[in-house]
Amino acid sequence: MPSYVILVNWTDQGIRNVKDSPKRADAFEAAVKAAGGTLKEFYLVLGEYDLVVVTEAPNDETAAKLALATASLGNVRTVTMRAFNRVEFRKIIAGLP
């Protein structure tokens, strides 16, 4: 199943209600599961982003829907990147001319 790295920043609304973040994270995990995916990792980080999340989803369309639905709640802004694991990486490199 494709993997995705999601870089997350809280909005003003999200940071004002930061104590609700664990409940929102649980709701996100439930949404990922309902969409046929898996929440693999969830990190609070220091630096340019507030959180880093790693998920698996059935396809890019599902990942995009999850990102849009989450961002539409107004608590976070996200950057979602398709991530290729070691096996996929080797396959891509092996296919180069």
C-alpha atoms as a PDB file:
ATOM      1  CA  MET A   1       0.000   0.000   0.000  1.00  0.00           C
ATOM      2  CA  PRO A   2       1.424   3.463  -0.834  1.00  0.00           C
ATOM      3  CA  SER A   3       2.970   5.453   2.018  1.00  0.00           C
ATOM      4  CA  TYR A   4       2.588   9.173   2.645  1.00  0.00           C
ATOM      5  CA  VAL A   5       4.504  11.602   4.837  1.00  0.00           C
ATOM      6  CA  ILE A   6       2.324  14.459   6.038  1.00  0.00           C
ATOM      7  CA  LEU A   7       3.918  17.640   7.374  1.00  0.00           C
ATOM      8  CA  VAL A   8       1.476  19.455   9.635  1.00  0.00           C
ATOM      9  CA  ASN A   9       1.263  22.977  11.029  1.00  0.00           C
ATOM     10  CA  TRP A  10      -1.414  24.131  13.412  1.00  0.00           C
ATOM     11  CA  THR A  11      -3.490  27.099  12.314  1.00  0.00           C
ATOM     12  CA  ASP A  12      -4.314  29.879  14.792  1.00  0.00           C
ATOM     13  CA  GLN A  13      -7.522  27.994  15.566  1.00  0.00           C
ATOM     14  CA  GLY A  14      -5.645  24.728  16.002  1.00  0.00           C
ATOM     15  CA  ILE A  15      -3.085  26.117  18.432  1.00  0.00           C
ATOM     16  CA  ARG A  16      -5.777  27.904  20.455  1.00  0.00           C
ATOM     17  CA  ASN A  17      -7.408  24.503  20.907  1.00  0.00           C
ATOM     18  CA  VAL A  18      -4.185  22.486  21.151  1.00  0.00           C
ATOM     19  CA  LYS A  19      -5.477  20.543  24.157  1.00  0.00           C
ATOM     20  CA  ASP A  20      -8.047  18.985  21.812  1.00  0.00           C
ATOM     21  CA  SER A  21      -5.270  17.710  19.527  1.00  0.00           C
ATOM     22  CA  PRO A  22      -5.205  14.153  20.944  1.00  0.00           C
ATOM     23  CA  LYS A  23      -8.931  13.797  20.197  1.00  0.00           C
ATOM     24  CA  ARG A  24      -8.418  15.216  16.712  1.00  0.00           C
ATOM     25  CA  ALA A  25      -5.529  12.808  16.149  1.00  0.00           C
ATOM     26  CA  ASP A  26      -7.771   9.907  17.185  1.00  0.00           C
ATOM     27  CA  ALA A  27     -10.448  11.114  14.764  1.00  0.00           C
ATOM     28  CA  PHE A  28      -7.849  11.329  11.977  1.00  0.00           C
ATOM     29  CA  GLU A  29      -6.690   7.782  12.700  1.00  0.00           C
ATOM     30  CA  ALA A  30     -10.306   6.575  12.568  1.00  0.00           C
ATOM     31  CA  ALA A  31     -10.786   8.351   9.216  1.00  0.00           C
ATOM     32  CA  VAL A  32      -7.630   6.749   7.826  1.00  0.00           C
ATOM     33  CA  LYS A  33      -8.813   3.303   8.936  1.00  0.00           C
ATOM     34  CA  ALA A  34     -12.295   3.898   7.500  1.00  0.00           C
ATOM     35  CA  ALA A  35     -10.667   4.795   4.169  1.00  0.00           C
ATOM     36  CA  GLY A  36      -8.776   1.501   4.154  1.00  0.00           C
ATOM     37  CA  GLY A  37      -5.453   2.913   5.327  1.00  0.00           C
ATOM     38  CA  THR A  38      -3.188   2.757   8.345  1.00  0.00           C
ATOM     39  CA  LEU A  39      -1.664   5.426  10.574  1.00  0.00           C
ATOM     40  CA  LYS A  40       1.957   4.228  10.854  1.00  0.00           C
ATOM     41  CA  GLU A  41       3.664   7.030  12.815  1.00  0.00           C
ATOM     42  CA  PHE A  42       2.694  10.264  14.527  1.00  0.00           C
ATOM     43  CA  TYR A  43       5.307  12.699  15.850  1.00  0.00           C
ATOM     44  CA  LEU A  44       5.255  16.061  17.582  1.00  0.00           C
ATOM     45  CA  VAL A  45       8.367  17.742  16.183  1.00  0.00           C
ATOM     46  CA  LEU A  46      10.428  20.851  16.744  1.00  0.00           C
ATOM     47  CA  GLY A  47      11.255  23.161  13.868  1.00  0.00           C
ATOM     48  CA  GLU A  48       9.376  24.365  10.813  1.00  0.00           C
ATOM     49  CA  TYR A  49       6.503  21.914  11.280  1.00  0.00           C
ATOM     50  CA  ASP A  50       4.489  21.006  14.359  1.00  0.00           C
ATOM     51  CA  LEU A  51       3.729  17.379  13.529  1.00  0.00           C
ATOM     52  CA  VAL A  52       4.929  14.694  11.134  1.00  0.00           C
ATOM     53  CA  VAL A  53       2.530  11.874  10.322  1.00  0.00           C
ATOM     54  CA  VAL A  54       3.203   8.752   8.272  1.00  0.00           C
ATOM     55  CA  THR A  55       0.234   6.918   6.796  1.00  0.00           C
ATOM     56  CA  GLU A  56      -0.547   4.250   4.271  1.00  0.00           C
ATOM     57  CA  ALA A  57      -3.560   4.661   1.990  1.00  0.00           C
ATOM     58  CA  PRO A  58      -4.960   2.590  -0.865  1.00  0.00           C
ATOM     59  CA  ASN A  59      -4.086   5.252  -3.459  1.00  0.00           C
ATOM     60  CA  ASP A  60      -3.259   8.920  -4.046  1.00  0.00           C
ATOM     61  CA  GLU A  61      -6.923   9.882  -4.391  1.00  0.00           C
ATOM     62  CA  THR A  62      -7.710   8.495  -0.944  1.00  0.00           C
ATOM     63  CA  ALA A  63      -4.694  10.254   0.566  1.00  0.00           C
ATOM     64  CA  ALA A  64      -5.773  13.542  -1.027  1.00  0.00           C
ATOM     65  CA  LYS A  65      -9.328  13.170   0.283  1.00  0.00           C
ATOM     66  CA  LEU A  66      -8.038  12.514   3.799  1.00  0.00           C
ATOM     67  CA  ALA A  67      -5.739  15.546   3.654  1.00  0.00           C
ATOM     68  CA  LEU A  68      -8.476  17.824   2.315  1.00  0.00           C
ATOM     69  CA  ALA A  69     -11.073  16.611   4.808  1.00  0.00           C
ATOM     70  CA  THR A  70      -8.653  17.122   7.690  1.00  0.00           C
ATOM     71  CA  ALA A  71      -7.552  20.585   6.564  1.00  0.00           C
ATOM     72  CA  SER A  72     -11.160  21.664   5.966  1.00  0.00           C
ATOM     73  CA  LEU A  73     -11.776  21.483   9.724  1.00  0.00           C
ATOM     74  CA  GLY A  74      -9.556  24.546  10.099  1.00  0.00           C
ATOM     75  CA  ASN A  75      -7.121  23.271  12.735  1.00  0.00           C
ATOM     76  CA  VAL A  76      -4.157  22.364  10.546  1.00  0.00           C
ATOM     77  CA  ARG A  77      -2.469  23.002   7.240  1.00  0.00           C
ATOM     78  CA  THR A  78      -0.771  20.043   5.632  1.00  0.00           C
ATOM     79  CA  VAL A  79       1.828  19.152   3.045  1.00  0.00           C
ATOM     80  CA  THR A  80       1.371  15.559   1.878  1.00  0.00           C
ATOM     81  CA  MET A  81       4.163  13.725   0.089  1.00  0.00           C
ATOM     82  CA  ARG A  82       4.062  10.290  -1.507  1.00  0.00           C
ATOM     83  CA  ALA A  83       6.885   8.269   0.039  1.00  0.00           C
ATOM     84  CA  PHE A  84       8.557   5.314  -1.631  1.00  0.00           C
ATOM     85  CA  ASN A  85       9.884   2.570   0.636  1.00  0.00           C
ATOM     86  CA  ARG A  86      13.189   0.771   0.129  1.00  0.00           C
ATOM     87  CA  VAL A  87      11.718  -1.902  -2.158  1.00  0.00           C
ATOM     88  CA  GLU A  88       9.927   0.704  -4.300  1.00  0.00           C
ATOM     89  CA  PHE A  89      13.082   2.830  -4.395  1.00  0.00           C
ATOM     90  CA  ARG A  90      15.162  -0.086  -5.685  1.00  0.00           C
ATOM     91  CA  LYS A  91      12.530  -0.917  -8.320  1.00  0.00           C
ATOM     92  CA  ILE A  92      12.465   2.700  -9.529  1.00  0.00           C
ATOM     93  CA  ILE A  93      16.253   2.864  -9.723  1.00  0.00           C
ATOM     94  CA  ALA A  94      16.441  -0.521 -11.481  1.00  0.00           C
ATOM     95  CA  GLY A  95      14.087   0.800 -14.166  1.00  0.00           C
ATOM     96  CA  LEU A  96      16.325   3.724 -15.093  1.00  0.00           C
ATOM     97  CA  PRO A  97      17.917   3.666 -18.553  1.00  0.00           C
END
